[in-house]
Amino acid sequence: MKTKKEPISENYLQRIPLPANHLDWKKEEDGKVTLMIENKGTMNRLAQMLLKKPKISYIHLDDMGSFVWPLMDGKKDIIALGEPVKEHFKEAAEPLYPRLAEFFRVLDSYGFVQWVNEETDKN
């Protein structure tokens, strides 16, 4: 059974994202961003030996994610990051802020971003 997503709070859009310190990333020739995640830990080592899992996982971001990723500088909140996205993608970016919020929620759930103003989000 699907659960209804909570509406985006204005407070969430005021959060300031920053790429997580443990992440390496690169911009490919086609402009897409690839995140490189090193699989560490005992369970990952076991999976690498037994199941031939890779030592490094590569996460390829889509066009919008690849555009937003290099803009994260620890100074701009999600609202400010949305402005150049809207200019670049125009109507294709809509619904802009729900898409950006979901993008950052997914990144946050995997530990790919950290938040500069973490204390403002705690209620």
PDB file of N, CA and C in Angstrom:
ATOM      1  N   MET A   1       0.835  -1.171   0.000  1.00  0.00           N
ATOM      2  CA  MET A   1       0.000   0.000   0.000  1.00  0.00           C
ATOM      3  C   MET A   1       0.883   1.238   0.000  1.00  0.00           C
ATOM      4  N   LYS A   2       0.638   2.123  -0.927  1.00  0.00           N
ATOM      5  CA  LYS A   2       1.438   3.338  -1.013  1.00  0.00           C
ATOM      6  C   LYS A   2       1.037   4.314   0.080  1.00  0.00           C
ATOM      7  N   THR A   3       2.028   4.972   0.617  1.00  0.00           N
ATOM      8  CA  THR A   3       1.731   6.015   1.585  1.00  0.00           C
ATOM      9  C   THR A   3       1.796   7.356   0.883  1.00  0.00           C
ATOM     10  N   LYS A   4       0.986   8.262   1.346  1.00  0.00           N
ATOM     11  CA  LYS A   4       0.948   9.586   0.746  1.00  0.00           C
ATOM     12  C   LYS A   4       2.188  10.361   1.183  1.00  0.00           C
ATOM     13  N   LYS A   5       2.843  10.991   0.207  1.00  0.00           N
ATOM     14  CA  LYS A   5       4.031  11.773   0.532  1.00  0.00           C
ATOM     15  C   LYS A   5       3.625  13.037   1.270  1.00  0.00           C
ATOM     16  N   GLU A   6       4.454  13.410   2.222  1.00  0.00           N
ATOM     17  CA  GLU A   6       4.187  14.641   2.948  1.00  0.00           C
ATOM     18  C   GLU A   6       4.493  15.830   2.051  1.00  0.00           C
ATOM     19  N   PRO A   7       3.722  16.903   2.195  1.00  0.00           N
ATOM     20  CA  PRO A   7       4.017  18.086   1.387  1.00  0.00           C
ATOM     21  C   PRO A   7       5.375  18.665   1.766  1.00  0.00           C
ATOM     22  N   ILE A   8       5.974  19.342   0.811  1.00  0.00           N
ATOM     23  CA  ILE A   8       7.287  19.939   1.042  1.00  0.00           C
ATOM     24  C   ILE A   8       7.116  21.150   1.935  1.00  0.00           C
ATOM     25  N   SER A   9       7.856  21.200   3.009  1.00  0.00           N
ATOM     26  CA  SER A   9       7.767  22.365   3.878  1.00  0.00           C
ATOM     27  C   SER A   9       8.728  23.435   3.377  1.00  0.00           C
ATOM     28  N   GLU A  10       8.358  24.661   3.610  1.00  0.00           N
ATOM     29  CA  GLU A  10       9.213  25.790   3.237  1.00  0.00           C
ATOM     30  C   GLU A  10      10.558  25.652   3.941  1.00  0.00           C
ATOM     31  N   ASN A  11      10.517  25.110   5.152  1.00  0.00           N
ATOM     32  CA  ASN A  11      11.731  24.922   5.927  1.00  0.00           C
ATOM     33  C   ASN A  11      12.701  23.975   5.215  1.00  0.00           C
ATOM     34  N   TYR A  12      12.184  22.918   4.597  1.00  0.00           N
ATOM     35  CA  TYR A  12      13.046  21.964   3.893  1.00  0.00           C
ATOM     36  C   TYR A  12      13.742  22.638   2.722  1.00  0.00           C
ATOM     37  N   LEU A  13      13.021  23.487   1.996  1.00  0.00           N
ATOM     38  CA  LEU A  13      13.597  24.174   0.843  1.00  0.00           C
ATOM     39  C   LEU A  13      14.650  25.197   1.253  1.00  0.00           C
ATOM     40  N   GLN A  14      14.683  25.554   2.525  1.00  0.00           N
ATOM     41  CA  GLN A  14      15.684  26.501   3.011  1.00  0.00           C
ATOM     42  C   GLN A  14      16.957  25.807   3.488  1.00  0.00           C
ATOM     43  N   ARG A  15      16.984  24.500   3.386  1.00  0.00           N
ATOM     44  CA  ARG A  15      18.189  23.763   3.778  1.00  0.00           C
ATOM     45  C   ARG A  15      19.287  23.997   2.745  1.00  0.00           C
ATOM     46  N   ILE A  16      20.526  23.992   3.206  1.00  0.00           N
ATOM     47  CA  ILE A  16      21.675  24.251   2.338  1.00  0.00           C
ATOM     48  C   ILE A  16      22.460  22.951   2.164  1.00  0.00           C
ATOM     49  N   PRO A  17      22.399  22.358   0.959  1.00  0.00           N
ATOM     50  CA  PRO A  17      23.085  21.087   0.725  1.00  0.00           C
ATOM     51  C   PRO A  17      24.550  21.264   0.338  1.00  0.00           C
ATOM     52  N   LEU A  18      25.304  20.235   0.625  1.00  0.00           N
ATOM     53  CA  LEU A  18      26.721  20.189   0.302  1.00  0.00           C
ATOM     54  C   LEU A  18      27.053  18.724   0.006  1.00  0.00           C
ATOM     55  N   PRO A  19      27.850  18.430  -1.029  1.00  0.00           N
ATOM     56  CA  PRO A  19      28.217  17.026  -1.264  1.00  0.00           C
ATOM     57  C   PRO A  19      28.906  16.436  -0.030  1.00  0.00           C
ATOM     58  N   ALA A  20      28.597  15.201   0.278  1.00  0.00           N
ATOM     59  CA  ALA A  20      29.201  14.542   1.438  1.00  0.00           C
ATOM     60  C   ALA A  20      30.714  14.455   1.260  1.00  0.00           C
ATOM     61  N   ASN A  21      31.430  14.593   2.365  1.00  0.00           N
ATOM     62  CA  ASN A  21      32.900  14.602   2.338  1.00  0.00           C
ATOM     63  C   ASN A  21      33.497  13.316   1.785  1.00  0.00           C
ATOM     64  N   HIS A  22      32.849  12.188   2.019  1.00  0.00           N
ATOM     65  CA  HIS A  22      33.418  10.894   1.623  1.00  0.00           C
ATOM     66  C   HIS A  22      33.214  10.568   0.146  1.00  0.00           C
ATOM     67  N   LEU A  23      32.536  11.443  -0.586  1.00  0.00           N
ATOM     68  CA  LEU A  23      32.224  11.156  -1.989  1.00  0.00           C
ATOM     69  C   LEU A  23      33.246  11.736  -2.949  1.00  0.00           C
ATOM     70  N   ASP A  24      33.590  10.939  -3.934  1.00  0.00           N
ATOM     71  CA  ASP A  24      34.346  11.437  -5.082  1.00  0.00           C
ATOM     72  C   ASP A  24      33.362  11.514  -6.230  1.00  0.00           C
ATOM     73  N   TRP A  25      33.532  12.495  -7.092  1.00  0.00           N
ATOM     74  CA  TRP A  25      32.656  12.607  -8.244  1.00  0.00           C
ATOM     75  C   TRP A  25      33.417  13.238  -9.391  1.00  0.00           C
ATOM     76  N   LYS A  26      32.890  13.025 -10.593  1.00  0.00           N
ATOM     77  CA  LYS A  26      33.515  13.632 -11.764  1.00  0.00           C
ATOM     78  C   LYS A  26      32.440  13.981 -12.773  1.00  0.00           C
ATOM     79  N   LYS A  27      32.752  14.967 -13.596  1.00  0.00           N
ATOM     80  CA  LYS A  27      31.849  15.363 -14.666  1.00  0.00           C
ATOM     81  C   LYS A  27      32.352  14.709 -15.940  1.00  0.00           C
ATOM     82  N   GLU A  28      31.491  13.926 -16.570  1.00  0.00           N
ATOM     83  CA  GLU A  28      31.856  13.202 -17.786  1.00  0.00           C
ATOM     84  C   GLU A  28      31.894  14.155 -18.979  1.00  0.00           C
ATOM     85  N   GLU A  29      32.403  13.671 -20.103  1.00  0.00           N
ATOM     86  CA  GLU A  29      32.485  14.477 -21.320  1.00  0.00           C
ATOM     87  C   GLU A  29      31.118  14.939 -21.802  1.00  0.00           C
ATOM     88  N   ASP A  30      30.094  14.126 -21.558  1.00  0.00           N
ATOM     89  CA  ASP A  30      28.741  14.489 -21.989  1.00  0.00           C
ATOM     90  C   ASP A  30      28.037  15.433 -21.018  1.00  0.00           C
ATOM     91  N   GLY A  31      28.749  15.850 -19.954  1.00  0.00           N
ATOM     92  CA  GLY A  31      28.191  16.789 -18.986  1.00  0.00           C
ATOM     93  C   GLY A  31      27.513  16.136 -17.804  1.00  0.00           C
ATOM     94  N   LYS A  32      27.347  14.826 -17.828  1.00  0.00           N
ATOM     95  CA  LYS A  32      26.693  14.126 -16.723  1.00  0.00           C
ATOM     96  C   LYS A  32      27.678  13.921 -15.575  1.00  0.00           C
ATOM     97  N   VAL A  33      27.149  13.971 -14.371  1.00  0.00           N
ATOM     98  CA  VAL A  33      27.958  13.773 -13.171  1.00  0.00           C
ATOM     99  C   VAL A  33      27.860  12.313 -12.742  1.00  0.00           C
ATOM    100  N   THR A  34      29.005  11.746 -12.384  1.00  0.00           N
ATOM    101  CA  THR A  34      29.073  10.380 -11.872  1.00  0.00           C
ATOM    102  C   THR A  34      29.647  10.424 -10.462  1.00  0.00           C
ATOM    103  N   LEU A  35      28.904   9.858  -9.508  1.00  0.00           N
ATOM    104  CA  LEU A  35      29.371   9.748  -8.129  1.00  0.00           C
ATOM    105  C   LEU A  35      30.080   8.411  -7.989  1.00  0.00           C
ATOM    106  N   MET A  36      31.215   8.410  -7.298  1.00  0.00           N
ATOM    107  CA  MET A  36      31.980   7.180  -7.103  1.00  0.00           C
ATOM    108  C   MET A  36      31.959   6.829  -5.616  1.00  0.00           C
ATOM    109  N   ILE A  37      31.311   5.722  -5.294  1.00  0.00           N
ATOM    110  CA  ILE A  37      31.122   5.308  -3.913  1.00  0.00           C
ATOM    111  C   ILE A  37      31.989   4.092  -3.641  1.00  0.00           C
ATOM    112  N   GLU A  38      32.924   4.229  -2.700  1.00  0.00           N
ATOM    113  CA  GLU A  38      33.767   3.093  -2.334  1.00  0.00           C
ATOM    114  C   GLU A  38      32.999   2.211  -1.360  1.00  0.00           C
ATOM    115  N   ASN A  39      32.908   0.938  -1.678  1.00  0.00           N
ATOM    116  CA  ASN A  39      32.196  -0.021  -0.837  1.00  0.00           C
ATOM    117  C   ASN A  39      33.152  -0.548   0.225  1.00  0.00           C
ATOM    118  N   LYS A  40      33.036   0.001   1.430  1.00  0.00           N
ATOM    119  CA  LYS A  40      33.923  -0.354   2.537  1.00  0.00           C
ATOM    120  C   LYS A  40      33.185  -1.226   3.543  1.00  0.00           C
ATOM    121  N   GLY A  41      33.917  -1.765   4.466  1.00  0.00           N
ATOM    122  CA  GLY A  41      33.322  -2.532   5.551  1.00  0.00           C
ATOM    123  C   GLY A  41      33.413  -4.028   5.320  1.00  0.00           C
ATOM    124  N   THR A  42      33.204  -4.762   6.382  1.00  0.00           N
ATOM    125  CA  THR A  42      33.341  -6.210   6.365  1.00  0.00           C
ATOM    126  C   THR A  42      32.362  -6.876   5.402  1.00  0.00           C
ATOM    127  N   MET A  43      31.101  -6.480   5.463  1.00  0.00           N
ATOM    128  CA  MET A  43      30.091  -7.101   4.597  1.00  0.00           C
ATOM    129  C   MET A  43      30.376  -6.805   3.126  1.00  0.00           C
ATOM    130  N   ASN A  44      30.802  -5.598   2.841  1.00  0.00           N
ATOM    131  CA  ASN A  44      31.127  -5.255   1.456  1.00  0.00           C
ATOM    132  C   ASN A  44      32.344  -6.034   0.969  1.00  0.00           C
ATOM    133  N   ARG A  45      33.345  -6.211   1.827  1.00  0.00           N
ATOM    134  CA  ARG A  45      34.531  -6.988   1.453  1.00  0.00           C
ATOM    135  C   ARG A  45      34.145  -8.438   1.145  1.00  0.00           C
ATOM    136  N   LEU A  46      33.274  -8.988   1.974  1.00  0.00           N
ATOM    137  CA  LEU A  46      32.801 -10.349   1.758  1.00  0.00           C
ATOM    138  C   LEU A  46      32.051 -10.456   0.437  1.00  0.00           C
ATOM    139  N   ALA A  47      31.178  -9.492   0.173  1.00  0.00           N
ATOM    140  CA  ALA A  47      30.412  -9.490  -1.077  1.00  0.00           C
ATOM    141  C   ALA A  47      31.340  -9.336  -2.281  1.00  0.00           C
ATOM    142  N   GLN A  48      32.414  -8.569  -2.116  1.00  0.00           N
ATOM    143  CA  GLN A  48      33.370  -8.397  -3.212  1.00  0.00           C
ATOM    144  C   GLN A  48      34.068  -9.716  -3.528  1.00  0.00           C
ATOM    145  N   MET A  49      34.419 -10.469  -2.487  1.00  0.00           N
ATOM    146  CA  MET A  49      35.123 -11.727  -2.699  1.00  0.00           C
ATOM    147  C   MET A  49      34.189 -12.833  -3.187  1.00  0.00           C
ATOM    148  N   LEU A  50      33.055 -12.976  -2.540  1.00  0.00           N
ATOM    149  CA  LEU A  50      32.166 -14.096  -2.838  1.00  0.00           C
ATOM    150  C   LEU A  50      31.245 -13.851  -4.027  1.00  0.00           C
ATOM    151  N   LEU A  51      30.738 -12.648  -4.141  1.00  0.00           N
ATOM    152  CA  LEU A  51      29.737 -12.358  -5.170  1.00  0.00           C
ATOM    153  C   LEU A  51      30.271 -11.486  -6.297  1.00  0.00           C
ATOM    154  N   LYS A  52      31.572 -11.252  -6.272  1.00  0.00           N
ATOM    155  CA  LYS A  52      32.219 -10.437  -7.315  1.00  0.00           C
ATOM    156  C   LYS A  52      31.604  -9.036  -7.420  1.00  0.00           C
ATOM    157  N   LYS A  53      31.242  -8.467  -6.272  1.00  0.00           N
ATOM    158  CA  LYS A  53      30.713  -7.099  -6.250  1.00  0.00           C
ATOM    159  C   LYS A  53      31.872  -6.129  -6.453  1.00  0.00           C
ATOM    160  N   PRO A  54      31.617  -4.992  -7.093  1.00  0.00           N
ATOM    161  CA  PRO A  54      32.704  -4.045  -7.358  1.00  0.00           C
ATOM    162  C   PRO A  54      33.173  -3.326  -6.094  1.00  0.00           C
ATOM    163  N   LYS A  55      34.447  -2.945  -6.096  1.00  0.00           N
ATOM    164  CA  LYS A  55      35.000  -2.195  -4.976  1.00  0.00           C
ATOM    165  C   LYS A  55      34.444  -0.777  -4.972  1.00  0.00           C
ATOM    166  N   ILE A  56      34.156  -0.247  -6.152  1.00  0.00           N
ATOM    167  CA  ILE A  56      33.600   1.100  -6.282  1.00  0.00           C
ATOM    168  C   ILE A  56      32.309   1.017  -7.085  1.00  0.00           C
ATOM    169  N   SER A  57      31.252   1.646  -6.562  1.00  0.00           N
ATOM    170  CA  SER A  57      29.982   1.739  -7.290  1.00  0.00           C
ATOM    171  C   SER A  57      29.919   3.103  -7.959  1.00  0.00           C
ATOM    172  N   TYR A  58      29.394   3.127  -9.163  1.00  0.00           N
ATOM    173  CA  TYR A  58      29.268   4.371  -9.925  1.00  0.00           C
ATOM    174  C   TYR A  58      27.793   4.727 -10.048  1.00  0.00           C
ATOM    175  N   ILE A  59      27.437   5.907  -9.575  1.00  0.00           N
ATOM    176  CA  ILE A  59      26.064   6.399  -9.639  1.00  0.00           C
ATOM    177  C   ILE A  59      26.033   7.517 -10.673  1.00  0.00           C
ATOM    178  N   HIS A  60      25.263   7.318 -11.741  1.00  0.00           N
ATOM    179  CA  HIS A  60      25.174   8.302 -12.821  1.00  0.00           C
ATOM    180  C   HIS A  60      23.922   9.151 -12.619  1.00  0.00           C
ATOM    181  N   LEU A  61      24.106  10.451 -12.446  1.00  0.00           N
ATOM    182  CA  LEU A  61      22.977  11.351 -12.250  1.00  0.00           C
ATOM    183  C   LEU A  61      22.330  11.697 -13.588  1.00  0.00           C
ATOM    184  N   ASP A  62      21.042  12.028 -13.547  1.00  0.00           N
ATOM    185  CA  ASP A  62      20.333  12.440 -14.759  1.00  0.00           C
ATOM    186  C   ASP A  62      20.725  13.878 -15.123  1.00  0.00           C
ATOM    187  N   ASP A  63      20.106  14.417 -16.173  1.00  0.00           N
ATOM    188  CA  ASP A  63      20.460  15.757 -16.643  1.00  0.00           C
ATOM    189  C   ASP A  63      20.295  16.819 -15.562  1.00  0.00           C
ATOM    190  N   MET A  64      19.143  16.818 -14.889  1.00  0.00           N
ATOM    191  CA  MET A  64      18.901  17.841 -13.875  1.00  0.00           C
ATOM    192  C   MET A  64      19.824  17.646 -12.673  1.00  0.00           C
ATOM    193  N   GLY A  65      19.994  16.407 -12.237  1.00  0.00           N
ATOM    194  CA  GLY A  65      20.893  16.135 -11.119  1.00  0.00           C
ATOM    195  C   GLY A  65      22.323  16.524 -11.439  1.00  0.00           C
ATOM    196  N   SER A  66      22.744  16.278 -12.675  1.00  0.00           N
ATOM    197  CA  SER A  66      24.098  16.642 -13.105  1.00  0.00           C
ATOM    198  C   SER A  66      24.271  18.149 -13.190  1.00  0.00           C
ATOM    199  N   PHE A  67      23.186  18.862 -13.460  1.00  0.00           N
ATOM    200  CA  PHE A  67      23.245  20.320 -13.499  1.00  0.00           C
ATOM    201  C   PHE A  67      23.327  20.887 -12.081  1.00  0.00           C
ATOM    202  N   VAL A  68      22.566  20.305 -11.159  1.00  0.00           N
ATOM    203  CA  VAL A  68      22.491  20.810  -9.783  1.00  0.00           C
ATOM    204  C   VAL A  68      23.733  20.455  -8.972  1.00  0.00           C
ATOM    205  N   TRP A  69      24.271  19.260  -9.158  1.00  0.00           N
ATOM    206  CA  TRP A  69      25.362  18.770  -8.302  1.00  0.00           C
ATOM    207  C   TRP A  69      26.532  19.753  -8.176  1.00  0.00           C
ATOM    208  N   PRO A  70      27.107  20.270  -9.277  1.00  0.00           N
ATOM    209  CA  PRO A  70      28.241  21.190  -9.120  1.00  0.00           C
ATOM    210  C   PRO A  70      27.856  22.550  -8.530  1.00  0.00           C
ATOM    211  N   LEU A  71      26.559  22.868  -8.497  1.00  0.00           N
ATOM    212  CA  LEU A  71      26.113  24.142  -7.938  1.00  0.00           C
ATOM    213  C   LEU A  71      26.082  24.128  -6.414  1.00  0.00           C
ATOM    214  N   MET A  72      26.112  22.935  -5.814  1.00  0.00           N
ATOM    215  CA  MET A  72      26.076  22.841  -4.351  1.00  0.00           C
ATOM    216  C   MET A  72      27.410  23.315  -3.790  1.00  0.00           C
ATOM    217  N   ASP A  73      27.389  24.481  -3.162  1.00  0.00           N
ATOM    218  CA  ASP A  73      28.625  25.070  -2.653  1.00  0.00           C
ATOM    219  C   ASP A  73      28.592  25.321  -1.150  1.00  0.00           C
ATOM    220  N   GLY A  74      27.507  24.932  -0.499  1.00  0.00           N
ATOM    221  CA  GLY A  74      27.396  25.168   0.932  1.00  0.00           C
ATOM    222  C   GLY A  74      26.931  26.565   1.267  1.00  0.00           C
ATOM    223  N   LYS A  75      26.553  27.347   0.258  1.00  0.00           N
ATOM    224  CA  LYS A  75      26.072  28.714   0.475  1.00  0.00           C
ATOM    225  C   LYS A  75      24.644  28.905  -0.019  1.00  0.00           C
ATOM    226  N   LYS A  76      24.228  28.121  -1.012  1.00  0.00           N
ATOM    227  CA  LYS A  76      22.898  28.279  -1.611  1.00  0.00           C
ATOM    228  C   LYS A  76      21.940  27.239  -1.048  1.00  0.00           C
ATOM    229  N   ASP A  77      20.740  27.710  -0.683  1.00  0.00           N
ATOM    230  CA  ASP A  77      19.712  26.763  -0.267  1.00  0.00           C
ATOM    231  C   ASP A  77      19.028  26.177  -1.499  1.00  0.00           C
ATOM    232  N   ILE A  78      18.103  25.265  -1.280  1.00  0.00           N
ATOM    233  CA  ILE A  78      17.449  24.581  -2.397  1.00  0.00           C
ATOM    234  C   ILE A  78      16.672  25.570  -3.263  1.00  0.00           C
ATOM    235  N   ILE A  79      16.077  26.580  -2.644  1.00  0.00           N
ATOM    236  CA  ILE A  79      15.349  27.599  -3.415  1.00  0.00           C
ATOM    237  C   ILE A  79      16.302  28.315  -4.362  1.00  0.00           C
ATOM    238  N   ALA A  80      17.470  28.726  -3.867  1.00  0.00           N
ATOM    239  CA  ALA A  80      18.455  29.424  -4.709  1.00  0.00           C
ATOM    240  C   ALA A  80      18.998  28.506  -5.799  1.00  0.00           C
ATOM    241  N   LEU A  81      19.149  27.222  -5.505  1.00  0.00           N
ATOM    242  CA  LEU A  81      19.617  26.275  -6.521  1.00  0.00           C
ATOM    243  C   LEU A  81      18.576  26.095  -7.627  1.00  0.00           C
ATOM    244  N   GLY A  82      17.314  26.297  -7.291  1.00  0.00           N
ATOM    245  CA  GLY A  82      16.246  26.137  -8.269  1.00  0.00           C
ATOM    246  C   GLY A  82      16.228  27.209  -9.340  1.00  0.00           C
ATOM    247  N   GLU A  83      16.725  28.400  -9.028  1.00  0.00           N
ATOM    248  CA  GLU A  83      16.681  29.505  -9.994  1.00  0.00           C
ATOM    249  C   GLU A  83      17.472  29.207 -11.265  1.00  0.00           C
ATOM    250  N   PRO A  84      18.756  28.810 -11.192  1.00  0.00           N
ATOM    251  CA  PRO A  84      19.466  28.474 -12.432  1.00  0.00           C
ATOM    252  C   PRO A  84      18.902  27.230 -13.128  1.00  0.00           C
ATOM    253  N   VAL A  85      18.321  26.322 -12.349  1.00  0.00           N
ATOM    254  CA  VAL A  85      17.703  25.134 -12.945  1.00  0.00           C
ATOM    255  C   VAL A  85      16.522  25.558 -13.813  1.00  0.00           C
ATOM    256  N   LYS A  86      15.697  26.465 -13.284  1.00  0.00           N
ATOM    257  CA  LYS A  86      14.530  26.946 -14.038  1.00  0.00           C
ATOM    258  C   LYS A  86      14.968  27.678 -15.303  1.00  0.00           C
ATOM    259  N   GLU A  87      16.034  28.491 -15.204  1.00  0.00           N
ATOM    260  CA  GLU A  87      16.539  29.207 -16.378  1.00  0.00           C
ATOM    261  C   GLU A  87      17.053  28.236 -17.439  1.00  0.00           C
ATOM    262  N   HIS A  88      17.740  27.198 -17.016  1.00  0.00           N
ATOM    263  CA  HIS A  88      18.356  26.262 -17.952  1.00  0.00           C
ATOM    264  C   HIS A  88      17.346  25.292 -18.566  1.00  0.00           C
ATOM    265  N   PHE A  89      16.481  24.711 -17.741  1.00  0.00           N
ATOM    266  CA  PHE A  89      15.564  23.668 -18.208  1.00  0.00           C
ATOM    267  C   PHE A  89      14.180  24.192 -18.585  1.00  0.00           C
ATOM    268  N   LYS A  90      13.880  25.421 -18.219  1.00  0.00           N
ATOM    269  CA  LYS A  90      12.596  26.071 -18.513  1.00  0.00           C
ATOM    270  C   LYS A  90      11.421  25.200 -18.070  1.00  0.00           C
ATOM    271  N   GLU A  91      10.473  24.934 -18.939  1.00  0.00           N
ATOM    272  CA  GLU A  91       9.267  24.172 -18.585  1.00  0.00           C
ATOM    273  C   GLU A  91       9.564  22.709 -18.239  1.00  0.00           C
ATOM    274  N   ALA A  92      10.653  22.185 -18.762  1.00  0.00           N
ATOM    275  CA  ALA A  92      11.000  20.782 -18.485  1.00  0.00           C
ATOM    276  C   ALA A  92      11.326  20.558 -17.008  1.00  0.00           C
ATOM    277  N   ALA A  93      11.632  21.629 -16.288  1.00  0.00           N
ATOM    278  CA  ALA A  93      11.972  21.517 -14.870  1.00  0.00           C
ATOM    279  C   ALA A  93      10.735  21.422 -13.977  1.00  0.00           C
ATOM    280  N   GLU A  94       9.583  21.770 -14.498  1.00  0.00           N
ATOM    281  CA  GLU A  94       8.371  21.805 -13.671  1.00  0.00           C
ATOM    282  C   GLU A  94       7.845  20.404 -13.400  1.00  0.00           C
ATOM    283  N   PRO A  95       7.319  20.161 -12.220  1.00  0.00           N
ATOM    284  CA  PRO A  95       7.224  21.012 -11.039  1.00  0.00           C
ATOM    285  C   PRO A  95       8.585  21.092 -10.344  1.00  0.00           C
ATOM    286  N   LEU A  96       9.185  22.244 -10.376  1.00  0.00           N
ATOM    287  CA  LEU A  96      10.581  22.443  -9.994  1.00  0.00           C
ATOM    288  C   LEU A  96      10.891  22.063  -8.549  1.00  0.00           C
ATOM    289  N   TYR A  97      10.256  22.722  -7.594  1.00  0.00           N
ATOM    290  CA  TYR A  97      10.651  22.515  -6.200  1.00  0.00           C
ATOM    291  C   TYR A  97      10.262  21.142  -5.651  1.00  0.00           C
ATOM    292  N   PRO A  98       9.134  20.576  -6.032  1.00  0.00           N
ATOM    293  CA  PRO A  98       8.891  19.185  -5.608  1.00  0.00           C
ATOM    294  C   PRO A  98       9.938  18.215  -6.172  1.00  0.00           C
ATOM    295  N   ARG A  99      10.369  18.436  -7.406  1.00  0.00           N
ATOM    296  CA  ARG A  99      11.399  17.567  -7.999  1.00  0.00           C
ATOM    297  C   ARG A  99      12.735  17.744  -7.283  1.00  0.00           C
ATOM    298  N   LEU A 100      13.110  18.999  -7.026  1.00  0.00           N
ATOM    299  CA  LEU A 100      14.375  19.241  -6.317  1.00  0.00           C
ATOM    300  C   LEU A 100      14.326  18.662  -4.907  1.00  0.00           C
ATOM    301  N   ALA A 101      13.204  18.852  -4.223  1.00  0.00           N
ATOM    302  CA  ALA A 101      13.079  18.322  -2.865  1.00  0.00           C
ATOM    303  C   ALA A 101      13.217  16.805  -2.870  1.00  0.00           C
ATOM    304  N   GLU A 102      12.575  16.140  -3.816  1.00  0.00           N
ATOM    305  CA  GLU A 102      12.672  14.677  -3.901  1.00  0.00           C
ATOM    306  C   GLU A 102      14.099  14.245  -4.242  1.00  0.00           C
ATOM    307  N   PHE A 103      14.746  14.963  -5.148  1.00  0.00           N
ATOM    308  CA  PHE A 103      16.138  14.686  -5.512  1.00  0.00           C
ATOM    309  C   PHE A 103      17.027  14.736  -4.272  1.00  0.00           C
ATOM    310  N   PHE A 104      16.876  15.795  -3.461  1.00  0.00           N
ATOM    311  CA  PHE A 104      17.715  15.922  -2.272  1.00  0.00           C
ATOM    312  C   PHE A 104      17.322  14.928  -1.184  1.00  0.00           C
ATOM    313  N   ARG A 105      16.052  14.557  -1.103  1.00  0.00           N
ATOM    314  CA  ARG A 105      15.648  13.525  -0.136  1.00  0.00           C
ATOM    315  C   ARG A 105      16.307  12.192  -0.473  1.00  0.00           C
ATOM    316  N   VAL A 106      16.337  11.862  -1.756  1.00  0.00           N
ATOM    317  CA  VAL A 106      16.969  10.604  -2.176  1.00  0.00           C
ATOM    318  C   VAL A 106      18.468  10.653  -1.896  1.00  0.00           C
ATOM    319  N   LEU A 107      19.119  11.759  -2.271  1.00  0.00           N
ATOM    320  CA  LEU A 107      20.553  11.899  -1.996  1.00  0.00           C
ATOM    321  C   LEU A 107      20.830  11.785  -0.502  1.00  0.00           C
ATOM    322  N   ASP A 108      19.983  12.425   0.310  1.00  0.00           N
ATOM    323  CA  ASP A 108      20.152  12.401   1.759  1.00  0.00           C
ATOM    324  C   ASP A 108      19.959  10.989   2.304  1.00  0.00           C
ATOM    325  N   SER A 109      18.992  10.252   1.773  1.00  0.00           N
ATOM    326  CA  SER A 109      18.730   8.899   2.273  1.00  0.00           C
ATOM    327  C   SER A 109      19.913   7.963   2.034  1.00  0.00           C
ATOM    328  N   TYR A 110      20.699   8.224   1.011  1.00  0.00           N
ATOM    329  CA  TYR A 110      21.891   7.421   0.728  1.00  0.00           C
ATOM    330  C   TYR A 110      23.161   8.018   1.337  1.00  0.00           C
ATOM    331  N   GLY A 111      23.038   9.160   2.000  1.00  0.00           N
ATOM    332  CA  GLY A 111      24.198   9.790   2.622  1.00  0.00           C
ATOM    333  C   GLY A 111      25.108  10.491   1.631  1.00  0.00           C
ATOM    334  N   PHE A 112      24.567  10.892   0.477  1.00  0.00           N
ATOM    335  CA  PHE A 112      25.372  11.549  -0.551  1.00  0.00           C
ATOM    336  C   PHE A 112      25.482  13.052  -0.339  1.00  0.00           C
ATOM    337  N   VAL A 113      24.640  13.630   0.539  1.00  0.00           N
ATOM    338  CA  VAL A 113      24.721  15.060   0.840  1.00  0.00           C
ATOM    339  C   VAL A 113      24.767  15.251   2.346  1.00  0.00           C
ATOM    340  N   GLN A 114      25.293  16.383   2.737  1.00  0.00           N
ATOM    341  CA  GLN A 114      25.233  16.814   4.127  1.00  0.00           C
ATOM    342  C   GLN A 114      24.602  18.198   4.114  1.00  0.00           C
ATOM    343  N   TRP A 115      24.159  18.645   5.274  1.00  0.00           N
ATOM    344  CA  TRP A 115      23.432  19.908   5.351  1.00  0.00           C
ATOM    345  C   TRP A 115      24.210  20.903   6.192  1.00  0.00           C
ATOM    346  N   VAL A 116      24.389  22.103   5.648  1.00  0.00           N
ATOM    347  CA  VAL A 116      25.131  23.144   6.348  1.00  0.00           C
ATOM    348  C   VAL A 116      24.318  23.665   7.517  1.00  0.00           C
ATOM    349  N   ASN A 117      23.023  23.881   7.311  1.00  0.00           N
ATOM    350  CA  ASN A 117      22.162  24.443   8.354  1.00  0.00           C
ATOM    351  C   ASN A 117      21.245  23.380   8.938  1.00  0.00           C
ATOM    352  N   GLU A 118      21.834  22.300   9.385  1.00  0.00           N
ATOM    353  CA  GLU A 118      21.082  21.152   9.903  1.00  0.00           C
ATOM    354  C   GLU A 118      20.168  21.540  11.058  1.00  0.00           C
ATOM    355  N   GLU A 119      20.596  22.450  11.899  1.00  0.00           N
ATOM    356  CA  GLU A 119      19.810  22.798  13.081  1.00  0.00           C
ATOM    357  C   GLU A 119      18.505  23.499  12.737  1.00  0.00           C
ATOM    358  N   THR A 120      18.396  24.118  11.556  1.00  0.00           N
ATOM    359  CA  THR A 120      17.156  24.809  11.197  1.00  0.00           C
ATOM    360  C   THR A 120      16.064  23.835  10.793  1.00  0.00           C
ATOM    361  N   ASP A 121      16.417  22.594  10.499  1.00  0.00           N
ATOM    362  CA  ASP A 121      15.427  21.619  10.054  1.00  0.00           C
ATOM    363  C   ASP A 121      14.838  20.818  11.216  1.00  0.00           C
ATOM    364  N   LYS A 122      15.409  20.922  12.382  1.00  0.00           N
ATOM    365  CA  LYS A 122      14.929  20.135  13.517  1.00  0.00           C
ATOM    366  C   LYS A 122      13.789  20.870  14.204  1.00  0.00           C
ATOM    367  N   ASN A 123      12.673  20.176  14.352  1.00  0.00           N
ATOM    368  CA  ASN A 123      11.500  20.782  15.006  1.00  0.00           C
ATOM    369  C   ASN A 123      11.210  20.071  16.297  1.00  0.00           C
TER     370      ASN A 123
END
